[in-house]
Amino acid sequence: MTETVGGWPRRIFDVSCRDCPRLASFLDEVKARHPDYHCRPVAPFGDARARLLIVGLAPGMHGANRTGRPFTGDYAGILLYETLHRHGLATRPVSVSADDGLELIDCRISNAVKCLPPQNKPDTGEIRQCNHYLATEIAELLPPGGVVLALGRIAHDAVLRARGLKVSTCRFAHGAVHELDGLTLVDSYHASRYNTQTRRLTEQMFDDVVGKAASLARGER
């Protein structure tokens, strides 16, 4: 088994992947401007056998793309890690860097697209190209009865594709719970600055949906 950064098998994560030319070129440009940034695919973070998998969209420019850890160093990560800590899913409420000692508890965070896209918008081909990593991660690591919390519609659709399902199988809606073959999919609006500042997503709404996903993962159905 070939291992990469963090000990993940290459079929689940490949830090040297450059399969999407637009994304690879953009990362090169960003690296030239910010030589101290990670600027490579970002690995999943957390427990390899977690019963709760959180799926985001893609690394943020000055967040995961800088630090190398999902939702670390950006606005969305503030709410996410505070909420995970409150529900006993993280050892600390703040994620500062990839080596800050924070650990997740029975939880793992991954992304539908592993590389930073321009304007935070991957195109359809890039989402599809990267989907095999998520598909393998879910198939090989998520235990039977596991729960996936999708942050946003793109993540929701990526999970469906990863399970070999049409995106029309079930509609994205904040707080919705979908029973798929062998797993439960829970939907949430993304914890982005735009969603929270416009009050599309409040702290209470996010706390409720994370709590729901955590309870389901613990078998409290």
N, C-alpha and C. Protein backbone atom coordinates (compact mmCIF):
# COMPACT_ATOMS: atom_id res chain seq x y z
N MET A 1 0.85 -1.19 0.00
CA MET A 1 0.00 0.00 0.00
C MET A 1 0.90 1.25 0.00
N THR A 2 0.69 2.11 -0.95
CA THR A 2 1.47 3.34 -1.03
C THR A 2 0.84 4.41 -0.15
N GLU A 3 1.64 4.98 0.73
CA GLU A 3 1.15 5.99 1.65
C GLU A 3 1.57 7.39 1.19
N THR A 4 0.77 8.37 1.56
CA THR A 4 1.11 9.76 1.25
C THR A 4 1.07 10.55 2.54
N VAL A 5 0.91 11.86 2.44
CA VAL A 5 0.90 12.72 3.61
C VAL A 5 -0.16 12.27 4.62
N GLY A 6 0.24 12.17 5.88
CA GLY A 6 -0.69 11.81 6.93
C GLY A 6 -1.01 10.33 6.98
N GLY A 7 -0.36 9.54 6.16
CA GLY A 7 -0.59 8.10 6.19
C GLY A 7 -1.80 7.63 5.41
N TRP A 8 -2.43 8.51 4.62
CA TRP A 8 -3.60 8.10 3.85
C TRP A 8 -3.15 7.32 2.62
N PRO A 9 -3.81 6.20 2.30
CA PRO A 9 -3.52 5.48 1.05
C PRO A 9 -3.73 6.40 -0.15
N ARG A 10 -2.93 6.22 -1.19
CA ARG A 10 -3.01 7.10 -2.36
C ARG A 10 -4.38 7.07 -3.01
N ARG A 11 -5.09 5.96 -2.90
CA ARG A 11 -6.42 5.89 -3.52
C ARG A 11 -7.43 6.77 -2.78
N ILE A 12 -7.11 7.16 -1.55
CA ILE A 12 -7.99 8.04 -0.78
C ILE A 12 -7.52 9.49 -0.84
N PHE A 13 -6.21 9.69 -0.91
CA PHE A 13 -5.67 11.05 -1.00
C PHE A 13 -4.28 11.01 -1.63
N ASP A 14 -4.05 11.92 -2.58
CA ASP A 14 -2.76 12.00 -3.26
C ASP A 14 -2.31 13.45 -3.26
N VAL A 15 -1.32 13.76 -2.43
CA VAL A 15 -0.85 15.13 -2.30
C VAL A 15 -0.16 15.63 -3.57
N SER A 16 0.24 14.71 -4.44
CA SER A 16 0.91 15.11 -5.68
C SER A 16 -0.04 15.16 -6.88
N CYS A 17 -1.35 14.98 -6.65
CA CYS A 17 -2.32 14.95 -7.75
C CYS A 17 -2.34 16.29 -8.50
N ARG A 18 -2.29 16.20 -9.84
CA ARG A 18 -2.41 17.37 -10.71
C ARG A 18 -3.33 17.03 -11.89
N ASP A 19 -4.36 16.26 -11.61
CA ASP A 19 -5.25 15.77 -12.66
C ASP A 19 -6.15 16.84 -13.25
N CYS A 20 -6.33 17.96 -12.54
CA CYS A 20 -7.16 19.05 -13.05
C CYS A 20 -6.24 20.20 -13.46
N PRO A 21 -5.98 20.38 -14.76
CA PRO A 21 -5.00 21.37 -15.21
C PRO A 21 -5.27 22.79 -14.71
N ARG A 22 -6.53 23.21 -14.70
CA ARG A 22 -6.85 24.57 -14.25
C ARG A 22 -6.49 24.75 -12.78
N LEU A 23 -6.82 23.77 -11.96
CA LEU A 23 -6.53 23.86 -10.53
C LEU A 23 -5.03 23.78 -10.26
N ALA A 24 -4.35 22.89 -10.97
CA ALA A 24 -2.90 22.75 -10.78
C ALA A 24 -2.18 24.04 -11.15
N SER A 25 -2.61 24.65 -12.26
CA SER A 25 -2.00 25.90 -12.70
C SER A 25 -2.28 27.02 -11.70
N PHE A 26 -3.50 27.06 -11.17
CA PHE A 26 -3.85 28.09 -10.21
C PHE A 26 -3.04 27.94 -8.92
N LEU A 27 -2.85 26.71 -8.46
CA LEU A 27 -2.05 26.48 -7.26
C LEU A 27 -0.61 26.94 -7.47
N ASP A 28 -0.08 26.73 -8.68
CA ASP A 28 1.28 27.21 -8.99
C ASP A 28 1.36 28.73 -8.88
N GLU A 29 0.31 29.40 -9.38
CA GLU A 29 0.28 30.86 -9.33
C GLU A 29 0.21 31.36 -7.88
N VAL A 30 -0.63 30.72 -7.09
CA VAL A 30 -0.78 31.12 -5.70
C VAL A 30 0.51 30.85 -4.92
N LYS A 31 1.16 29.75 -5.21
CA LYS A 31 2.41 29.41 -4.54
C LYS A 31 3.49 30.44 -4.84
N ALA A 32 3.48 30.94 -6.06
CA ALA A 32 4.46 31.97 -6.43
C ALA A 32 4.24 33.25 -5.63
N ARG A 33 2.95 33.57 -5.36
CA ARG A 33 2.63 34.77 -4.58
C ARG A 33 2.79 34.55 -3.08
N HIS A 34 2.54 33.31 -2.66
CA HIS A 34 2.59 32.98 -1.23
C HIS A 34 3.45 31.72 -1.04
N PRO A 35 4.76 31.84 -1.10
CA PRO A 35 5.63 30.67 -1.04
C PRO A 35 5.55 29.87 0.25
N ASP A 36 5.01 30.48 1.32
CA ASP A 36 4.90 29.75 2.58
C ASP A 36 3.56 29.03 2.72
N TYR A 37 2.69 29.14 1.72
CA TYR A 37 1.39 28.46 1.76
C TYR A 37 1.55 26.98 1.36
N HIS A 38 0.60 26.17 1.80
CA HIS A 38 0.56 24.74 1.46
C HIS A 38 0.44 24.55 -0.05
N CYS A 39 -0.59 25.13 -0.66
CA CYS A 39 -0.78 25.15 -2.12
C CYS A 39 -0.63 23.79 -2.78
N ARG A 40 -1.24 22.79 -2.18
CA ARG A 40 -1.30 21.44 -2.74
C ARG A 40 -2.64 20.85 -2.35
N PRO A 41 -2.99 19.67 -2.86
CA PRO A 41 -4.22 19.05 -2.37
C PRO A 41 -4.19 18.94 -0.85
N VAL A 42 -5.35 19.11 -0.24
CA VAL A 42 -5.46 19.09 1.23
C VAL A 42 -6.05 17.75 1.67
N ALA A 43 -5.35 17.10 2.58
CA ALA A 43 -5.74 15.77 3.05
C ALA A 43 -6.95 15.83 3.98
N PRO A 44 -7.70 14.72 4.08
CA PRO A 44 -8.72 14.63 5.12
C PRO A 44 -8.05 14.78 6.48
N PHE A 45 -8.83 15.23 7.45
CA PHE A 45 -8.31 15.43 8.80
C PHE A 45 -9.21 14.75 9.81
N GLY A 46 -8.60 13.92 10.66
CA GLY A 46 -9.36 13.31 11.74
C GLY A 46 -9.19 11.81 11.82
N ASP A 47 -10.13 11.19 12.50
CA ASP A 47 -10.12 9.77 12.80
C ASP A 47 -10.42 8.96 11.54
N ALA A 48 -9.50 8.07 11.18
CA ALA A 48 -9.67 7.26 9.96
C ALA A 48 -10.88 6.34 10.05
N ARG A 49 -11.32 6.00 11.25
CA ARG A 49 -12.47 5.10 11.42
C ARG A 49 -13.66 5.82 12.04
N ALA A 50 -13.72 7.10 11.88
CA ALA A 50 -14.80 7.89 12.47
C ALA A 50 -16.17 7.47 11.93
N ARG A 51 -17.16 7.57 12.76
CA ARG A 51 -18.54 7.29 12.35
C ARG A 51 -19.21 8.52 11.75
N LEU A 52 -18.59 9.69 11.93
CA LEU A 52 -19.12 10.93 11.34
C LEU A 52 -18.09 11.52 10.40
N LEU A 53 -18.48 11.67 9.15
CA LEU A 53 -17.63 12.30 8.14
C LEU A 53 -18.29 13.61 7.72
N ILE A 54 -17.55 14.70 7.84
CA ILE A 54 -18.03 16.01 7.40
C ILE A 54 -17.39 16.33 6.06
N VAL A 55 -18.20 16.66 5.07
CA VAL A 55 -17.70 16.95 3.73
C VAL A 55 -17.97 18.41 3.38
N GLY A 56 -16.90 19.15 3.13
CA GLY A 56 -17.01 20.53 2.69
C GLY A 56 -16.88 20.64 1.19
N LEU A 57 -16.73 21.85 0.70
CA LEU A 57 -16.63 22.07 -0.75
C LEU A 57 -15.18 21.91 -1.23
N ALA A 58 -14.30 22.82 -0.79
CA ALA A 58 -12.91 22.82 -1.26
C ALA A 58 -12.10 23.68 -0.30
N PRO A 59 -10.78 23.58 -0.32
CA PRO A 59 -9.95 24.43 0.53
C PRO A 59 -10.15 25.91 0.22
N GLY A 60 -10.10 26.74 1.26
CA GLY A 60 -10.17 28.19 1.08
C GLY A 60 -8.79 28.77 0.84
N MET A 61 -8.73 29.88 0.12
CA MET A 61 -7.46 30.50 -0.25
C MET A 61 -6.53 30.70 0.95
N HIS A 62 -7.02 31.37 1.99
CA HIS A 62 -6.17 31.69 3.13
C HIS A 62 -6.47 30.82 4.34
N GLY A 63 -7.25 29.76 4.10
CA GLY A 63 -7.56 28.79 5.15
C GLY A 63 -6.78 27.51 4.91
N ALA A 64 -7.48 26.46 4.46
CA ALA A 64 -6.84 25.17 4.26
C ALA A 64 -5.73 25.22 3.21
N ASN A 65 -5.89 26.05 2.19
CA ASN A 65 -4.84 26.16 1.18
C ASN A 65 -3.55 26.73 1.77
N ARG A 66 -3.69 27.51 2.83
CA ARG A 66 -2.51 28.06 3.52
C ARG A 66 -1.95 27.09 4.55
N THR A 67 -2.85 26.51 5.36
CA THR A 67 -2.41 25.71 6.51
C THR A 67 -2.25 24.23 6.22
N GLY A 68 -2.95 23.73 5.20
CA GLY A 68 -2.89 22.31 4.90
C GLY A 68 -3.85 21.47 5.70
N ARG A 69 -4.77 22.09 6.45
CA ARG A 69 -5.78 21.35 7.21
C ARG A 69 -7.16 21.92 6.86
N PRO A 70 -8.16 21.06 6.60
CA PRO A 70 -9.49 21.55 6.25
C PRO A 70 -10.05 22.53 7.28
N PHE A 71 -10.62 23.63 6.79
CA PHE A 71 -11.32 24.62 7.61
C PHE A 71 -10.42 25.21 8.70
N THR A 72 -9.15 25.32 8.44
CA THR A 72 -8.22 25.86 9.43
C THR A 72 -7.61 27.17 8.93
N GLY A 73 -7.89 28.25 9.67
CA GLY A 73 -7.36 29.54 9.29
C GLY A 73 -8.33 30.41 8.53
N ASP A 74 -9.58 29.96 8.35
CA ASP A 74 -10.55 30.78 7.63
C ASP A 74 -11.81 30.99 8.47
N TYR A 75 -12.69 31.83 7.99
CA TYR A 75 -13.88 32.22 8.75
C TYR A 75 -14.79 31.03 9.03
N ALA A 76 -15.01 30.19 8.03
CA ALA A 76 -15.92 29.05 8.21
C ALA A 76 -15.43 28.11 9.31
N GLY A 77 -14.11 27.99 9.43
CA GLY A 77 -13.55 27.10 10.43
C GLY A 77 -13.81 27.54 11.86
N ILE A 78 -13.98 28.85 12.06
CA ILE A 78 -14.24 29.35 13.42
C ILE A 78 -15.52 28.72 13.97
N LEU A 79 -16.59 28.84 13.20
CA LEU A 79 -17.87 28.27 13.63
C LEU A 79 -17.82 26.75 13.67
N LEU A 80 -17.18 26.14 12.68
CA LEU A 80 -17.15 24.68 12.61
C LEU A 80 -16.47 24.07 13.83
N TYR A 81 -15.26 24.52 14.13
CA TYR A 81 -14.52 23.90 15.23
C TYR A 81 -15.11 24.24 16.60
N GLU A 82 -15.65 25.44 16.77
CA GLU A 82 -16.34 25.76 18.01
C GLU A 82 -17.50 24.80 18.24
N THR A 83 -18.24 24.53 17.16
CA THR A 83 -19.41 23.66 17.26
C THR A 83 -18.99 22.22 17.50
N LEU A 84 -17.97 21.75 16.80
CA LEU A 84 -17.50 20.39 17.01
C LEU A 84 -17.04 20.19 18.46
N HIS A 85 -16.33 21.17 18.99
CA HIS A 85 -15.86 21.07 20.37
C HIS A 85 -17.03 21.02 21.34
N ARG A 86 -18.03 21.82 21.10
CA ARG A 86 -19.21 21.86 21.98
C ARG A 86 -19.93 20.51 22.01
N HIS A 87 -19.87 19.77 20.93
CA HIS A 87 -20.54 18.47 20.85
C HIS A 87 -19.59 17.31 21.13
N GLY A 88 -18.43 17.59 21.68
CA GLY A 88 -17.51 16.53 22.05
C GLY A 88 -16.81 15.86 20.89
N LEU A 89 -16.72 16.56 19.76
CA LEU A 89 -16.11 16.00 18.56
C LEU A 89 -14.71 16.53 18.29
N ALA A 90 -14.25 17.49 19.08
CA ALA A 90 -12.91 18.06 18.92
C ALA A 90 -12.34 18.38 20.29
N THR A 91 -11.03 18.23 20.42
CA THR A 91 -10.39 18.46 21.72
C THR A 91 -10.22 19.93 22.04
N ARG A 92 -10.32 20.79 21.03
CA ARG A 92 -10.17 22.24 21.23
C ARG A 92 -11.22 22.96 20.39
N PRO A 93 -11.60 24.17 20.78
CA PRO A 93 -12.60 24.92 20.02
C PRO A 93 -12.02 25.76 18.89
N VAL A 94 -10.70 25.84 18.79
CA VAL A 94 -10.07 26.69 17.78
C VAL A 94 -9.01 25.89 17.03
N SER A 95 -9.05 25.94 15.70
CA SER A 95 -8.06 25.29 14.85
C SER A 95 -7.19 26.37 14.22
N VAL A 96 -5.92 26.38 14.60
CA VAL A 96 -5.01 27.44 14.19
C VAL A 96 -4.07 27.00 13.08
N SER A 97 -3.51 25.81 13.22
CA SER A 97 -2.55 25.31 12.25
C SER A 97 -2.59 23.78 12.24
N ALA A 98 -1.95 23.18 11.25
CA ALA A 98 -1.99 21.73 11.13
C ALA A 98 -1.22 21.02 12.24
N ASP A 99 -0.39 21.76 12.97
CA ASP A 99 0.41 21.14 14.04
C ASP A 99 0.09 21.73 15.42
N ASP A 100 -1.16 22.20 15.61
CA ASP A 100 -1.51 22.84 16.87
C ASP A 100 -1.97 21.87 17.95
N GLY A 101 -1.98 20.58 17.65
CA GLY A 101 -2.35 19.57 18.64
C GLY A 101 -3.83 19.26 18.72
N LEU A 102 -4.66 19.99 17.99
CA LEU A 102 -6.10 19.71 18.00
C LEU A 102 -6.36 18.33 17.39
N GLU A 103 -7.27 17.58 18.01
CA GLU A 103 -7.66 16.28 17.49
C GLU A 103 -9.18 16.20 17.39
N LEU A 104 -9.65 15.47 16.42
CA LEU A 104 -11.08 15.21 16.29
C LEU A 104 -11.41 13.87 16.93
N ILE A 105 -12.63 13.76 17.46
CA ILE A 105 -13.06 12.58 18.19
C ILE A 105 -14.21 11.91 17.43
N ASP A 106 -13.96 10.72 16.91
CA ASP A 106 -14.96 9.97 16.13
C ASP A 106 -15.54 10.84 15.02
N CYS A 107 -14.69 11.64 14.42
CA CYS A 107 -15.10 12.59 13.39
C CYS A 107 -13.95 12.80 12.42
N ARG A 108 -14.28 13.03 11.16
CA ARG A 108 -13.27 13.33 10.15
C ARG A 108 -13.83 14.39 9.21
N ILE A 109 -12.95 15.26 8.73
CA ILE A 109 -13.36 16.31 7.80
C ILE A 109 -12.64 16.11 6.48
N SER A 110 -13.40 16.16 5.40
CA SER A 110 -12.84 16.01 4.06
C SER A 110 -13.50 17.05 3.16
N ASN A 111 -13.11 17.07 1.89
CA ASN A 111 -13.70 18.01 0.94
C ASN A 111 -14.09 17.31 -0.35
N ALA A 112 -15.11 17.84 -1.00
CA ALA A 112 -15.52 17.30 -2.30
C ALA A 112 -14.43 17.49 -3.33
N VAL A 113 -13.73 18.62 -3.26
CA VAL A 113 -12.59 18.93 -4.14
C VAL A 113 -11.41 19.22 -3.25
N LYS A 114 -10.30 18.56 -3.51
CA LYS A 114 -9.15 18.63 -2.60
C LYS A 114 -8.25 19.84 -2.84
N CYS A 115 -8.41 20.54 -3.96
CA CYS A 115 -7.54 21.67 -4.29
C CYS A 115 -8.32 22.99 -4.31
N LEU A 116 -7.62 24.06 -4.00
CA LEU A 116 -8.20 25.39 -4.07
C LEU A 116 -8.62 25.74 -5.50
N PRO A 117 -9.89 26.11 -5.73
CA PRO A 117 -10.32 26.56 -7.05
C PRO A 117 -10.35 28.08 -7.14
N PRO A 118 -10.17 28.64 -8.31
CA PRO A 118 -10.31 30.10 -8.46
C PRO A 118 -11.70 30.56 -8.03
N GLN A 119 -11.75 31.68 -7.32
CA GLN A 119 -13.00 32.25 -6.81
C GLN A 119 -13.81 31.24 -5.97
N ASN A 120 -13.12 30.25 -5.43
CA ASN A 120 -13.77 29.21 -4.61
C ASN A 120 -14.85 28.46 -5.37
N LYS A 121 -14.71 28.37 -6.70
CA LYS A 121 -15.74 27.72 -7.52
C LYS A 121 -15.12 26.68 -8.45
N PRO A 122 -15.11 25.41 -8.03
CA PRO A 122 -14.65 24.36 -8.94
C PRO A 122 -15.68 24.17 -10.04
N ASP A 123 -15.23 23.79 -11.24
CA ASP A 123 -16.21 23.52 -12.29
C ASP A 123 -16.67 22.06 -12.19
N THR A 124 -17.70 21.74 -12.96
CA THR A 124 -18.32 20.42 -12.86
C THR A 124 -17.32 19.30 -13.15
N GLY A 125 -16.48 19.51 -14.15
CA GLY A 125 -15.49 18.49 -14.50
C GLY A 125 -14.51 18.25 -13.37
N GLU A 126 -14.12 19.29 -12.67
CA GLU A 126 -13.18 19.14 -11.55
C GLU A 126 -13.82 18.42 -10.38
N ILE A 127 -15.09 18.71 -10.13
CA ILE A 127 -15.80 18.01 -9.06
C ILE A 127 -15.90 16.53 -9.37
N ARG A 128 -16.19 16.22 -10.63
CA ARG A 128 -16.29 14.82 -11.03
C ARG A 128 -14.92 14.13 -11.00
N GLN A 129 -13.90 14.84 -11.46
CA GLN A 129 -12.56 14.26 -11.51
C GLN A 129 -12.06 13.88 -10.11
N CYS A 130 -12.39 14.69 -9.13
CA CYS A 130 -11.91 14.46 -7.76
C CYS A 130 -12.80 13.48 -6.99
N ASN A 131 -13.94 13.14 -7.53
CA ASN A 131 -14.93 12.39 -6.76
C ASN A 131 -14.48 10.99 -6.37
N HIS A 132 -13.56 10.40 -7.15
CA HIS A 132 -13.16 9.03 -6.83
C HIS A 132 -12.45 8.96 -5.48
N TYR A 133 -11.79 10.04 -5.07
CA TYR A 133 -11.15 10.04 -3.75
C TYR A 133 -12.21 9.97 -2.64
N LEU A 134 -13.25 10.79 -2.76
CA LEU A 134 -14.32 10.77 -1.78
C LEU A 134 -15.05 9.44 -1.79
N ALA A 135 -15.27 8.89 -2.98
CA ALA A 135 -15.96 7.61 -3.10
C ALA A 135 -15.20 6.51 -2.37
N THR A 136 -13.89 6.48 -2.55
CA THR A 136 -13.07 5.47 -1.89
C THR A 136 -13.02 5.71 -0.39
N GLU A 137 -12.92 6.97 0.01
CA GLU A 137 -12.89 7.29 1.43
C GLU A 137 -14.15 6.81 2.13
N ILE A 138 -15.31 7.05 1.52
CA ILE A 138 -16.57 6.62 2.12
C ILE A 138 -16.68 5.10 2.12
N ALA A 139 -16.34 4.48 0.99
CA ALA A 139 -16.50 3.04 0.86
C ALA A 139 -15.57 2.26 1.79
N GLU A 140 -14.35 2.74 1.95
CA GLU A 140 -13.35 1.98 2.71
C GLU A 140 -13.23 2.38 4.17
N LEU A 141 -13.58 3.61 4.51
CA LEU A 141 -13.35 4.06 5.88
C LEU A 141 -14.61 4.24 6.72
N LEU A 142 -15.70 4.67 6.10
CA LEU A 142 -16.91 4.93 6.88
C LEU A 142 -17.55 3.59 7.27
N PRO A 143 -17.74 3.33 8.57
CA PRO A 143 -18.31 2.04 8.98
C PRO A 143 -19.79 1.94 8.65
N PRO A 144 -20.35 0.74 8.61
CA PRO A 144 -21.78 0.58 8.38
C PRO A 144 -22.58 1.39 9.39
N GLY A 145 -23.58 2.09 8.91
CA GLY A 145 -24.37 2.94 9.78
C GLY A 145 -23.76 4.30 10.03
N GLY A 146 -22.65 4.61 9.33
CA GLY A 146 -21.99 5.89 9.50
C GLY A 146 -22.82 7.04 8.95
N VAL A 147 -22.41 8.24 9.31
CA VAL A 147 -23.15 9.45 8.94
C VAL A 147 -22.23 10.41 8.20
N VAL A 148 -22.75 11.00 7.13
CA VAL A 148 -22.03 12.04 6.40
C VAL A 148 -22.80 13.35 6.55
N LEU A 149 -22.12 14.38 7.02
CA LEU A 149 -22.71 15.72 7.10
C LEU A 149 -22.16 16.53 5.94
N ALA A 150 -23.03 16.87 4.99
CA ALA A 150 -22.62 17.61 3.80
C ALA A 150 -22.84 19.10 4.03
N LEU A 151 -21.77 19.88 3.89
CA LEU A 151 -21.86 21.33 4.07
C LEU A 151 -22.05 21.99 2.71
N GLY A 152 -23.31 22.17 2.34
CA GLY A 152 -23.65 22.79 1.06
C GLY A 152 -24.09 21.80 0.00
N ARG A 153 -24.75 22.34 -1.02
CA ARG A 153 -25.32 21.48 -2.06
C ARG A 153 -24.25 20.75 -2.86
N ILE A 154 -23.14 21.40 -3.17
CA ILE A 154 -22.10 20.74 -3.95
C ILE A 154 -21.56 19.53 -3.20
N ALA A 155 -21.35 19.68 -1.90
CA ALA A 155 -20.91 18.54 -1.10
C ALA A 155 -21.97 17.45 -1.07
N HIS A 156 -23.23 17.85 -0.93
CA HIS A 156 -24.36 16.91 -0.96
C HIS A 156 -24.35 16.10 -2.26
N ASP A 157 -24.24 16.80 -3.39
CA ASP A 157 -24.23 16.12 -4.68
C ASP A 157 -23.00 15.22 -4.83
N ALA A 158 -21.87 15.66 -4.30
CA ALA A 158 -20.64 14.87 -4.40
C ALA A 158 -20.78 13.56 -3.64
N VAL A 159 -21.45 13.59 -2.50
CA VAL A 159 -21.66 12.37 -1.73
C VAL A 159 -22.56 11.41 -2.50
N LEU A 160 -23.61 11.93 -3.12
CA LEU A 160 -24.48 11.07 -3.93
C LEU A 160 -23.70 10.42 -5.07
N ARG A 161 -22.90 11.22 -5.78
CA ARG A 161 -22.09 10.66 -6.88
C ARG A 161 -21.11 9.62 -6.35
N ALA A 162 -20.55 9.88 -5.19
CA ALA A 162 -19.59 8.95 -4.61
C ALA A 162 -20.23 7.60 -4.29
N ARG A 163 -21.55 7.61 -4.07
CA ARG A 163 -22.28 6.37 -3.81
C ARG A 163 -22.89 5.78 -5.06
N GLY A 164 -22.57 6.38 -6.22
CA GLY A 164 -23.08 5.88 -7.48
C GLY A 164 -24.53 6.22 -7.71
N LEU A 165 -25.02 7.27 -7.07
CA LEU A 165 -26.42 7.68 -7.18
C LEU A 165 -26.55 8.94 -8.01
N LYS A 166 -27.70 9.13 -8.63
CA LYS A 166 -27.98 10.36 -9.35
C LYS A 166 -28.22 11.49 -8.35
N VAL A 167 -27.83 12.71 -8.75
CA VAL A 167 -28.02 13.83 -7.82
C VAL A 167 -29.49 14.13 -7.60
N SER A 168 -30.34 13.59 -8.45
CA SER A 168 -31.78 13.77 -8.28
C SER A 168 -32.37 12.78 -7.27
N THR A 169 -31.54 11.90 -6.73
CA THR A 169 -32.02 10.89 -5.78
C THR A 169 -32.68 11.53 -4.57
N CYS A 170 -32.06 12.58 -4.06
CA CYS A 170 -32.66 13.32 -2.93
C CYS A 170 -32.21 14.76 -2.99
N ARG A 171 -33.11 15.66 -2.62
CA ARG A 171 -32.85 17.09 -2.71
C ARG A 171 -32.11 17.60 -1.49
N PHE A 172 -31.20 18.54 -1.76
CA PHE A 172 -30.51 19.21 -0.67
C PHE A 172 -31.46 20.16 0.04
N ALA A 173 -31.44 20.12 1.37
CA ALA A 173 -32.21 21.08 2.18
C ALA A 173 -31.57 21.11 3.56
N HIS A 174 -31.37 22.28 4.08
CA HIS A 174 -30.74 22.39 5.40
C HIS A 174 -31.52 21.60 6.43
N GLY A 175 -30.82 20.74 7.16
CA GLY A 175 -31.44 19.93 8.20
C GLY A 175 -32.05 18.64 7.71
N ALA A 176 -32.06 18.42 6.39
CA ALA A 176 -32.67 17.20 5.85
C ALA A 176 -31.81 15.99 6.18
N VAL A 177 -32.46 14.86 6.39
CA VAL A 177 -31.78 13.59 6.66
C VAL A 177 -32.20 12.60 5.59
N HIS A 178 -31.21 12.02 4.91
CA HIS A 178 -31.48 11.08 3.83
C HIS A 178 -30.85 9.73 4.17
N GLU A 179 -31.64 8.68 4.10
CA GLU A 179 -31.12 7.34 4.32
C GLU A 179 -30.67 6.76 2.98
N LEU A 180 -29.38 6.60 2.82
CA LEU A 180 -28.83 6.02 1.62
C LEU A 180 -28.43 4.57 1.91
N ASP A 181 -27.91 3.89 0.94
CA ASP A 181 -27.51 2.50 1.11
C ASP A 181 -26.30 2.42 2.05
N GLY A 182 -26.55 2.06 3.31
CA GLY A 182 -25.45 1.83 4.25
C GLY A 182 -24.99 3.05 5.01
N LEU A 183 -25.55 4.23 4.72
CA LEU A 183 -25.15 5.42 5.47
C LEU A 183 -26.30 6.42 5.52
N THR A 184 -26.16 7.38 6.42
CA THR A 184 -27.13 8.47 6.55
C THR A 184 -26.46 9.77 6.12
N LEU A 185 -27.12 10.50 5.26
CA LEU A 185 -26.63 11.79 4.78
C LEU A 185 -27.45 12.90 5.43
N VAL A 186 -26.76 13.82 6.09
CA VAL A 186 -27.41 14.97 6.72
C VAL A 186 -26.93 16.23 6.01
N ASP A 187 -27.83 17.13 5.69
CA ASP A 187 -27.49 18.35 4.95
C ASP A 187 -27.42 19.56 5.87
N SER A 188 -26.45 20.44 5.55
CA SER A 188 -26.38 21.74 6.22
C SER A 188 -25.93 22.79 5.23
N TYR A 189 -26.42 24.00 5.41
CA TYR A 189 -25.81 25.10 4.68
C TYR A 189 -24.35 25.19 5.08
N HIS A 190 -23.52 25.64 4.17
CA HIS A 190 -22.09 25.80 4.46
C HIS A 190 -21.90 26.92 5.48
N ALA A 191 -20.92 26.72 6.37
CA ALA A 191 -20.66 27.72 7.42
C ALA A 191 -19.80 28.87 6.89
N SER A 192 -20.15 29.37 5.74
CA SER A 192 -19.38 30.45 5.11
C SER A 192 -19.72 31.80 5.72
N ARG A 193 -18.83 32.75 5.49
CA ARG A 193 -19.08 34.12 5.98
C ARG A 193 -20.38 34.67 5.39
N TYR A 194 -20.59 34.43 4.08
CA TYR A 194 -21.80 34.95 3.42
C TYR A 194 -23.05 34.38 4.08
N ASN A 195 -23.09 33.08 4.29
CA ASN A 195 -24.29 32.45 4.86
C ASN A 195 -24.56 32.92 6.28
N THR A 196 -23.51 33.09 7.07
CA THR A 196 -23.74 33.50 8.46
C THR A 196 -24.05 34.99 8.56
N GLN A 197 -23.42 35.82 7.74
CA GLN A 197 -23.68 37.26 7.82
C GLN A 197 -25.06 37.62 7.28
N THR A 198 -25.55 36.85 6.31
CA THR A 198 -26.89 37.09 5.79
C THR A 198 -27.96 36.40 6.62
N ARG A 199 -27.53 35.66 7.64
CA ARG A 199 -28.42 34.92 8.53
C ARG A 199 -29.14 33.78 7.84
N ARG A 200 -28.66 33.41 6.67
CA ARG A 200 -29.20 32.19 6.06
C ARG A 200 -28.89 31.01 6.97
N LEU A 201 -27.72 31.08 7.61
CA LEU A 201 -27.32 30.07 8.59
C LEU A 201 -26.95 30.79 9.89
N THR A 202 -27.68 30.50 10.94
CA THR A 202 -27.36 31.06 12.25
C THR A 202 -26.53 30.05 13.04
N GLU A 203 -25.89 30.53 14.10
CA GLU A 203 -25.11 29.64 14.96
C GLU A 203 -26.00 28.55 15.54
N GLN A 204 -27.22 28.90 15.90
CA GLN A 204 -28.12 27.90 16.47
C GLN A 204 -28.52 26.86 15.43
N MET A 205 -28.78 27.31 14.20
CA MET A 205 -29.11 26.36 13.14
C MET A 205 -27.97 25.38 12.91
N PHE A 206 -26.74 25.89 12.92
CA PHE A 206 -25.60 25.03 12.68
C PHE A 206 -25.37 24.09 13.86
N ASP A 207 -25.52 24.60 15.07
CA ASP A 207 -25.39 23.76 16.25
C ASP A 207 -26.40 22.62 16.22
N ASP A 208 -27.62 22.93 15.83
CA ASP A 208 -28.68 21.92 15.79
C ASP A 208 -28.36 20.82 14.78
N VAL A 209 -27.87 21.19 13.61
CA VAL A 209 -27.64 20.19 12.58
C VAL A 209 -26.40 19.34 12.89
N VAL A 210 -25.37 19.96 13.47
CA VAL A 210 -24.20 19.18 13.88
C VAL A 210 -24.59 18.23 15.01
N GLY A 211 -25.39 18.73 15.95
CA GLY A 211 -25.86 17.87 17.03
C GLY A 211 -26.68 16.70 16.52
N LYS A 212 -27.51 16.96 15.51
CA LYS A 212 -28.31 15.90 14.93
C LYS A 212 -27.41 14.84 14.28
N ALA A 213 -26.43 15.28 13.50
CA ALA A 213 -25.52 14.36 12.84
C ALA A 213 -24.70 13.56 13.85
N ALA A 214 -24.25 14.22 14.91
CA ALA A 214 -23.47 13.54 15.95
C ALA A 214 -24.31 12.48 16.65
N SER A 215 -25.56 12.82 16.96
CA SER A 215 -26.45 11.86 17.62
C SER A 215 -26.70 10.64 16.74
N LEU A 216 -26.93 10.87 15.47
CA LEU A 216 -27.15 9.77 14.54
C LEU A 216 -25.92 8.88 14.44
N ALA A 217 -24.75 9.50 14.41
CA ALA A 217 -23.50 8.73 14.31
C ALA A 217 -23.29 7.88 15.57
N ARG A 218 -23.79 8.36 16.69
CA ARG A 218 -23.66 7.59 17.94
C ARG A 218 -24.75 6.54 18.10
N GLY A 219 -25.61 6.43 17.10
CA GLY A 219 -26.65 5.43 17.15
C GLY A 219 -27.91 5.85 17.86
N GLU A 220 -28.02 7.16 18.14
CA GLU A 220 -29.22 7.69 18.82
C GLU A 220 -30.25 8.07 17.78
N ARG A 221 -30.96 7.11 17.28
CA ARG A 221 -31.90 7.33 16.18
C ARG A 221 -33.33 7.29 16.65
